[in-house]
Amino acid sequence: MTDLESLEAKLLAAVEAAVDEAALEAVRVGALGKKGEISELLKGLGRMDPEERRETGPKLNGLRDRVADAIGARREALADVAITSRLASETLDVTLPVRPSPVSRGRLHPISQVIDEITAIFADMGFSIAEGPEIETDHYNFTALNFPEGHPAREMHDTFFLQPDENGVSKLLRTHTSPVQIRTMEAQKPPIRIVIPGKTYRQDFDATHTPMFHQVEGLVVDTTANIANMKWVLTEFCKTFFEVPSLNMRFRPSFFPFTEPSMEVDIQCDRSGQEIRFGEGSDWLEILGCGMVHPNVLRGVGLDPDVYQGFAWGMGIDRIAMLKYGMPDLRDLFDADVRWIEHYGFRPLDMPTLFGGLSS
């Protein structure tokens, strides 16, 4: 075997032995690089006489081409092996269901949905939304709402009182959203038409009560506001919210310190089946409290009760959400159970509208 044949056998064996792209590149550089074995032999052609150059030149060029072809073929083979290995490690089971997008999987909490529904209904009636602080003073939470010092009604609310500050004043977590009514009447002159959704706090916990819950209140103050207006507003709200064409409502005398006269409101329903159906049947269900704003409350904010009068109402958002959507336990609203929210939640981009449907 000649020297060129031995060199060719050695280089082709090295090409076949290359197990990856890096090893093959090392063989290529060692054979065909600027200082490779074949390149050095080709450089020596210039020192040969013409006869020897004619004989050796074609042999060296042929060796170079065969080694280059072998390297190219080996590179393709290694690429095929790499692709096969990658496909094997990155297999995808096309029989699995497609994962839903975050937009389609995400859910809006029923309380947020109901607040949006309430807002849509009352906004259509010309009401605006009002908000206020959740940490309140005794003045706004009780005194300004006609709760005298030591009055038993203060005890009805099971209030969370905070530690006194440096001046000895003890604030509290508001027990209702009514303080926002006072703050609104202090900040703007009548006519006033507001609804106030928000969080409230009382020391109570069972299947129908939680220490933190949601209320919505409404307030109208004007020179001509009256009970007939209030009945119409509440009737239209309940019909629209529960999505029934007609509804009977019963107004019963009651007592609230901040309204006079005060009333509890029952709505007609049928409880004979597994779910409560509104607008039919012969049963009644208490739904909210309301009344005409007490003259003492108007005087406290600088309004003359001989000129202005108003009406107000309040209801539990959690309660009406449970009634409308059939949720049996109030505590489930706050458990952060993914299974529960996937069942009762709402798609976030389906905003409630009066023309498109509140809960569609």
Protein backbone atom coordinates (compact mmCIF):
# COMPACT_ATOMS: atom_id res chain seq x y z
CA MET A 1 0.00 0.00 0.00
CA THR A 2 1.41 3.41 -0.98
CA ASP A 3 1.68 6.34 1.41
CA LEU A 4 -1.33 8.07 -0.22
CA GLU A 5 -3.47 4.94 0.10
CA SER A 6 -2.51 4.60 3.77
CA LEU A 7 -3.34 8.26 4.38
CA GLU A 8 -6.69 7.88 2.62
CA ALA A 9 -7.59 4.79 4.65
CA LYS A 10 -6.65 6.57 7.89
CA LEU A 11 -8.66 9.71 7.07
CA LEU A 12 -11.76 7.81 5.91
CA ALA A 13 -11.64 5.69 9.06
CA ALA A 14 -11.45 8.88 11.15
CA VAL A 15 -14.44 10.30 9.25
CA GLU A 16 -16.51 7.17 9.96
CA ALA A 17 -15.47 7.20 13.62
CA ALA A 18 -16.65 10.80 14.17
CA VAL A 19 -19.65 10.60 16.50
CA ASP A 20 -20.75 14.22 16.36
CA GLU A 21 -20.35 17.45 14.43
CA ALA A 22 -17.43 18.65 16.56
CA ALA A 23 -15.41 15.43 16.04
CA LEU A 24 -16.08 15.53 12.29
CA GLU A 25 -14.94 19.15 12.12
CA ALA A 26 -11.70 18.19 13.84
CA VAL A 27 -11.07 15.52 11.15
CA ARG A 28 -11.81 18.04 8.39
CA VAL A 29 -9.39 20.60 9.79
CA GLY A 30 -6.70 17.92 10.28
CA ALA A 31 -7.04 16.78 6.66
CA LEU A 32 -8.17 19.75 4.59
CA GLY A 33 -7.47 22.76 6.79
CA LYS A 34 -4.74 25.29 6.03
CA LYS A 35 -2.17 23.08 7.77
CA GLY A 36 -3.96 19.76 7.19
CA GLU A 37 -2.17 16.67 5.94
CA ILE A 38 -3.62 16.79 2.42
CA SER A 39 -3.15 20.56 2.21
CA GLU A 40 0.54 20.21 3.10
CA LEU A 41 0.99 17.59 0.37
CA LEU A 42 -0.70 19.87 -2.17
CA LYS A 43 1.68 22.68 -1.20
CA GLY A 44 4.59 20.38 -2.12
CA LEU A 45 3.47 20.11 -5.76
CA GLY A 46 5.30 23.33 -6.55
CA ARG A 47 8.64 21.83 -5.58
CA MET A 48 8.24 18.80 -7.86
CA ASP A 49 9.56 18.55 -11.40
CA PRO A 50 6.93 18.66 -14.19
CA GLU A 51 6.85 14.93 -14.77
CA GLU A 52 6.37 14.09 -11.11
CA ARG A 53 3.79 16.87 -10.71
CA ARG A 54 1.72 15.44 -13.61
CA GLU A 55 1.67 12.07 -11.92
CA THR A 56 1.16 13.09 -8.28
CA GLY A 57 -1.19 16.08 -8.79
CA PRO A 58 -4.25 14.12 -9.95
CA LYS A 59 -3.74 11.59 -7.15
CA LEU A 60 -3.67 14.29 -4.46
CA ASN A 61 -6.68 16.10 -5.96
CA GLY A 62 -8.61 12.84 -6.10
CA LEU A 63 -7.70 12.09 -2.46
CA ARG A 64 -8.81 15.55 -1.43
CA ASP A 65 -12.16 15.19 -3.23
CA ARG A 66 -12.86 11.71 -1.82
CA VAL A 67 -12.13 12.82 1.74
CA ALA A 68 -14.26 15.95 1.29
CA ASP A 69 -17.13 13.85 -0.11
CA ALA A 70 -16.82 11.41 2.79
CA ILE A 71 -16.91 14.27 5.30
CA GLY A 72 -20.01 15.74 3.60
CA ALA A 73 -21.78 12.38 3.61
CA ARG A 74 -20.88 11.80 7.26
CA ARG A 75 -22.15 15.28 8.17
CA GLU A 76 -25.53 14.51 6.58
CA ALA A 77 -25.69 11.17 8.40
CA LEU A 78 -24.94 12.83 11.73
CA ALA A 79 -27.61 15.47 11.05
CA ASP A 80 -30.17 12.73 10.35
CA VAL A 81 -29.23 10.97 13.59
CA ALA A 82 -29.54 14.23 15.53
CA ILE A 83 -32.98 14.94 14.07
CA THR A 84 -34.16 11.41 14.81
CA SER A 85 -32.92 11.69 18.38
CA ARG A 86 -34.58 15.08 18.86
CA LEU A 87 -37.88 13.86 17.48
CA ALA A 88 -37.76 10.91 19.83
CA SER A 89 -37.13 13.15 22.85
CA GLU A 90 -39.68 15.80 21.88
CA THR A 91 -42.61 13.62 20.95
CA LEU A 92 -46.06 15.18 21.15
CA ASP A 93 -49.16 13.13 21.83
CA VAL A 94 -51.58 14.62 19.32
CA THR A 95 -54.45 12.69 20.92
CA LEU A 96 -54.33 14.94 24.00
CA PRO A 97 -56.89 17.78 24.06
CA VAL A 98 -55.65 21.27 23.25
CA ARG A 99 -55.00 23.33 26.37
CA PRO A 100 -57.46 26.22 26.63
CA SER A 101 -56.06 29.73 26.50
CA PRO A 102 -55.95 31.82 29.72
CA VAL A 103 -58.74 34.02 28.35
CA SER A 104 -61.08 31.08 27.79
CA ARG A 105 -60.15 29.34 31.06
CA GLY A 106 -60.15 32.36 33.38
CA ARG A 107 -63.31 33.08 35.34
CA LEU A 108 -64.80 36.19 36.89
CA HIS A 109 -65.95 35.70 40.49
CA PRO A 110 -69.76 35.74 40.89
CA ILE A 111 -69.54 38.71 43.29
CA SER A 112 -67.67 40.76 40.69
CA GLN A 113 -70.22 39.68 38.09
CA VAL A 114 -73.18 40.69 40.29
CA ILE A 115 -71.60 44.08 41.07
CA ASP A 116 -71.26 44.66 37.32
CA GLU A 117 -74.90 43.64 36.83
CA ILE A 118 -76.06 46.02 39.60
CA THR A 119 -73.97 48.82 38.10
CA ALA A 120 -75.45 48.24 34.62
CA ILE A 121 -79.03 48.34 35.94
CA PHE A 122 -78.73 51.46 38.05
CA ALA A 123 -76.55 53.30 35.52
CA ASP A 124 -79.42 52.87 33.05
CA MET A 125 -81.68 54.57 35.61
CA GLY A 126 -79.34 57.55 35.89
CA PHE A 127 -77.46 56.60 39.06
CA SER A 128 -73.74 57.07 39.59
CA ILE A 129 -71.38 54.87 41.62
CA ALA A 130 -70.00 56.15 44.94
CA GLU A 131 -67.28 54.66 47.14
CA GLY A 132 -65.79 55.38 50.55
CA PRO A 133 -63.23 54.11 53.09
CA GLU A 134 -63.66 50.72 54.73
CA ILE A 135 -62.07 51.96 57.98
CA GLU A 136 -64.53 54.48 59.40
CA THR A 137 -65.08 56.70 62.43
CA ASP A 138 -67.89 56.16 64.89
CA HIS A 139 -69.38 59.44 63.65
CA TYR A 140 -69.87 58.32 60.04
CA ASN A 141 -70.76 54.71 60.83
CA PHE A 142 -73.27 55.45 63.63
CA THR A 143 -73.78 59.00 64.94
CA ALA A 144 -74.37 60.73 61.58
CA LEU A 145 -76.86 57.97 60.72
CA ASN A 146 -79.01 58.77 63.75
CA PHE A 147 -77.61 56.08 66.06
CA PRO A 148 -77.59 57.82 69.47
CA GLU A 149 -74.83 57.05 71.97
CA GLY A 150 -75.67 53.86 73.82
CA HIS A 151 -78.50 52.98 71.43
CA PRO A 152 -79.15 49.19 71.29
CA ALA A 153 -79.05 49.29 67.49
CA ARG A 154 -75.28 49.80 67.73
CA GLU A 155 -75.00 46.38 69.33
CA MET A 156 -76.94 44.77 66.46
CA HIS A 157 -73.99 45.25 64.15
CA ASP A 158 -71.35 43.25 66.10
CA THR A 159 -68.72 45.79 65.15
CA PHE A 160 -64.99 45.22 64.70
CA PHE A 161 -63.38 48.09 66.67
CA LEU A 162 -59.71 48.97 66.13
CA GLN A 163 -57.20 49.99 68.79
CA PRO A 164 -57.49 53.67 69.83
CA ASP A 165 -55.02 56.09 68.23
CA GLU A 166 -52.77 58.57 70.06
CA ASN A 167 -55.80 60.82 70.68
CA GLY A 168 -57.82 57.99 72.19
CA VAL A 169 -60.12 57.79 69.14
CA SER A 170 -61.06 54.24 68.17
CA LYS A 171 -61.95 53.65 64.53
CA LEU A 172 -63.81 50.62 63.20
CA LEU A 173 -64.39 48.46 60.15
CA ARG A 174 -67.58 49.82 58.64
CA THR A 175 -70.62 47.65 59.35
CA HIS A 176 -72.53 48.90 56.30
CA THR A 177 -71.92 51.11 53.28
CA SER A 178 -74.25 53.81 54.67
CA PRO A 179 -71.35 56.08 55.76
CA VAL A 180 -70.78 56.78 52.06
CA GLN A 181 -74.27 58.30 51.96
CA ILE A 182 -73.23 60.83 54.61
CA ARG A 183 -69.93 61.61 52.91
CA THR A 184 -71.70 62.11 49.57
CA MET A 185 -74.35 64.46 51.04
CA GLU A 186 -71.58 66.47 52.71
CA ALA A 187 -69.61 66.73 49.45
CA GLN A 188 -72.34 67.61 46.94
CA LYS A 189 -75.68 69.33 46.81
CA PRO A 190 -78.92 67.63 45.73
CA PRO A 191 -80.14 66.19 43.46
CA ILE A 192 -78.23 63.04 44.47
CA ARG A 193 -78.68 59.63 42.88
CA ILE A 194 -76.00 57.12 43.88
CA VAL A 195 -75.50 53.42 44.45
CA ILE A 196 -72.74 52.22 46.75
CA PRO A 197 -71.34 48.68 46.34
CA GLY A 198 -68.59 47.65 48.72
CA LYS A 199 -67.19 45.46 51.47
CA THR A 200 -68.56 45.55 55.02
CA TYR A 201 -67.57 43.77 58.25
CA ARG A 202 -69.44 42.21 61.18
CA GLN A 203 -68.61 39.51 63.72
CA ASP A 204 -70.73 36.69 62.35
CA PHE A 205 -69.92 33.40 60.59
CA ASP A 206 -72.24 30.61 59.43
CA ALA A 207 -73.80 29.27 56.22
CA THR A 208 -75.48 32.63 55.50
CA HIS A 209 -73.06 35.08 57.21
CA THR A 210 -69.36 35.83 56.96
CA PRO A 211 -67.18 38.36 58.86
CA MET A 212 -66.53 40.21 55.60
CA PHE A 213 -69.38 40.51 53.11
CA HIS A 214 -70.61 42.79 50.34
CA GLN A 215 -73.46 45.27 50.40
CA VAL A 216 -74.98 47.67 47.93
CA GLU A 217 -76.93 50.71 49.04
CA GLY A 218 -78.73 53.38 47.10
CA LEU A 219 -79.59 56.97 47.94
CA VAL A 220 -81.82 59.52 46.26
CA VAL A 221 -82.14 63.06 47.65
CA ASP A 222 -84.26 65.66 45.89
CA THR A 223 -87.10 68.07 46.51
CA THR A 224 -89.69 65.66 45.12
CA ALA A 225 -88.35 62.18 46.10
CA ASN A 226 -91.09 60.01 47.59
CA ILE A 227 -92.07 56.45 48.46
CA ALA A 228 -93.71 55.90 45.08
CA ASN A 229 -90.41 56.68 43.36
CA MET A 230 -88.62 54.28 45.71
CA LYS A 231 -91.08 51.44 45.04
CA TRP A 232 -90.71 51.88 41.30
CA VAL A 233 -86.89 51.89 41.45
CA LEU A 234 -86.75 48.76 43.62
CA THR A 235 -89.37 46.90 41.59
CA GLU A 236 -87.63 47.66 38.30
CA PHE A 237 -84.28 46.67 39.76
CA CYS A 238 -85.51 43.30 41.04
CA LYS A 239 -87.32 42.50 37.77
CA THR A 240 -84.22 43.32 35.73
CA PHE A 241 -81.72 41.66 38.07
CA PHE A 242 -83.64 38.38 38.39
CA GLU A 243 -84.57 38.61 34.68
CA VAL A 244 -88.32 38.07 35.06
CA PRO A 245 -91.03 40.00 33.17
CA SER A 246 -93.16 40.77 36.23
CA LEU A 247 -92.76 40.59 39.99
CA ASN A 248 -94.91 41.27 43.02
CA MET A 249 -93.25 42.95 46.00
CA ARG A 250 -94.45 43.36 49.56
CA PHE A 251 -93.36 46.30 51.72
CA ARG A 252 -93.59 45.63 55.49
CA PRO A 253 -93.07 48.20 58.28
CA SER A 254 -89.70 47.88 60.03
CA PHE A 255 -87.15 49.99 61.89
CA PHE A 256 -83.81 51.48 60.87
CA PRO A 257 -82.38 54.48 62.78
CA PHE A 258 -81.52 56.35 59.56
CA THR A 259 -84.90 56.05 57.78
CA GLU A 260 -88.47 57.00 58.73
CA PRO A 261 -90.68 55.30 57.73
CA SER A 262 -88.61 52.13 57.34
CA MET A 263 -89.62 49.01 55.44
CA GLU A 264 -88.50 45.46 54.76
CA VAL A 265 -89.17 44.28 51.22
CA ASP A 266 -90.27 40.75 50.27
CA ILE A 267 -90.46 39.47 46.71
CA GLN A 268 -92.81 36.89 45.28
CA CYS A 269 -91.26 33.47 44.69
CA ASP A 270 -91.89 29.75 44.36
CA ARG A 271 -89.84 27.51 46.69
CA SER A 272 -91.60 24.24 45.97
CA GLY A 273 -88.77 22.84 43.82
CA GLN A 274 -85.02 22.54 44.24
CA GLU A 275 -84.45 26.17 43.23
CA ILE A 276 -86.16 29.44 44.06
CA ARG A 277 -88.12 30.87 41.14
CA PHE A 278 -88.99 34.56 41.26
CA GLY A 279 -92.09 36.20 39.82
CA GLU A 280 -94.29 33.14 40.37
CA GLY A 281 -95.73 31.02 43.17
CA SER A 282 -97.28 32.10 46.45
CA ASP A 283 -94.21 32.31 48.75
CA TRP A 284 -92.40 35.45 49.87
CA LEU A 285 -88.70 36.02 50.45
CA GLU A 286 -87.14 38.99 52.24
CA ILE A 287 -84.68 40.69 49.92
CA LEU A 288 -83.77 44.18 51.20
CA GLY A 289 -84.48 47.04 53.57
CA CYS A 290 -85.44 50.59 52.62
CA GLY A 291 -87.14 53.77 53.75
CA MET A 292 -87.32 57.55 53.57
CA VAL A 293 -84.17 59.28 54.82
CA HIS A 294 -84.67 60.37 58.43
CA PRO A 295 -84.94 64.17 58.89
CA ASN A 296 -82.18 64.02 61.54
CA VAL A 297 -79.79 62.57 58.95
CA LEU A 298 -80.59 65.38 56.52
CA ARG A 299 -80.11 68.02 59.22
CA GLY A 300 -76.77 66.47 60.17
CA VAL A 301 -75.37 67.13 56.70
CA GLY A 302 -76.80 70.64 56.45
CA LEU A 303 -79.92 69.89 54.39
CA ASP A 304 -83.30 71.32 55.34
CA PRO A 305 -85.79 68.41 55.66
CA ASP A 306 -88.62 70.85 54.90
CA VAL A 307 -87.06 71.38 51.45
CA TYR A 308 -85.31 68.12 50.67
CA GLN A 309 -86.36 64.55 51.20
CA GLY A 310 -84.88 61.30 50.06
CA PHE A 311 -85.09 57.55 50.12
CA ALA A 312 -82.45 54.86 50.63
CA TRP A 313 -82.20 51.10 50.45
CA GLY A 314 -79.65 48.39 51.06
CA MET A 315 -79.19 44.70 50.32
CA GLY A 316 -76.52 42.02 50.57
CA ILE A 317 -74.72 41.42 47.28
CA ASP A 318 -73.63 37.96 48.41
CA ARG A 319 -77.22 37.06 49.27
CA ILE A 320 -78.75 38.10 45.95
CA ALA A 321 -75.89 36.38 44.09
CA MET A 322 -76.69 33.15 45.94
CA LEU A 323 -80.40 33.51 45.18
CA LYS A 324 -79.91 34.21 41.49
CA TYR A 325 -77.24 31.60 40.74
CA GLY A 326 -78.23 28.84 43.16
CA MET A 327 -75.19 28.81 45.45
CA PRO A 328 -76.11 26.98 48.68
CA ASP A 329 -73.44 28.20 51.13
CA LEU A 330 -72.20 31.77 51.51
CA ARG A 331 -68.82 30.57 52.76
CA ASP A 332 -68.07 28.98 49.37
CA LEU A 333 -67.77 32.51 47.93
CA PHE A 334 -64.58 33.04 49.95
CA ASP A 335 -62.97 29.56 49.89
CA ALA A 336 -60.85 30.17 46.74
CA ASP A 337 -61.71 26.69 45.42
CA VAL A 338 -60.72 26.50 41.72
CA ARG A 339 -63.36 23.85 41.05
CA TRP A 340 -66.07 26.08 42.51
CA ILE A 341 -65.02 29.16 40.54
CA GLU A 342 -64.84 27.13 37.31
CA HIS A 343 -68.43 26.01 37.93
CA TYR A 344 -69.99 29.28 39.12
CA GLY A 345 -67.60 31.82 37.55
CA PHE A 346 -68.21 33.92 34.45
CA ARG A 347 -66.11 34.46 31.36
CA PRO A 348 -64.25 37.74 31.87
CA LEU A 349 -65.00 39.28 28.47
CA ASP A 350 -68.78 38.71 28.65
CA MET A 351 -69.77 42.00 30.24
CA PRO A 352 -73.39 42.26 31.46
CA THR A 353 -75.58 44.66 29.50
CA LEU A 354 -79.29 45.38 29.55
CA PHE A 355 -79.65 44.70 25.83
CA GLY A 356 -77.34 41.68 25.65
CA GLY A 357 -78.40 39.99 28.87
CA LEU A 358 -77.02 40.38 32.38
CA SER A 359 -75.87 36.81 32.86
CA SER A 360 -75.60 35.52 29.27
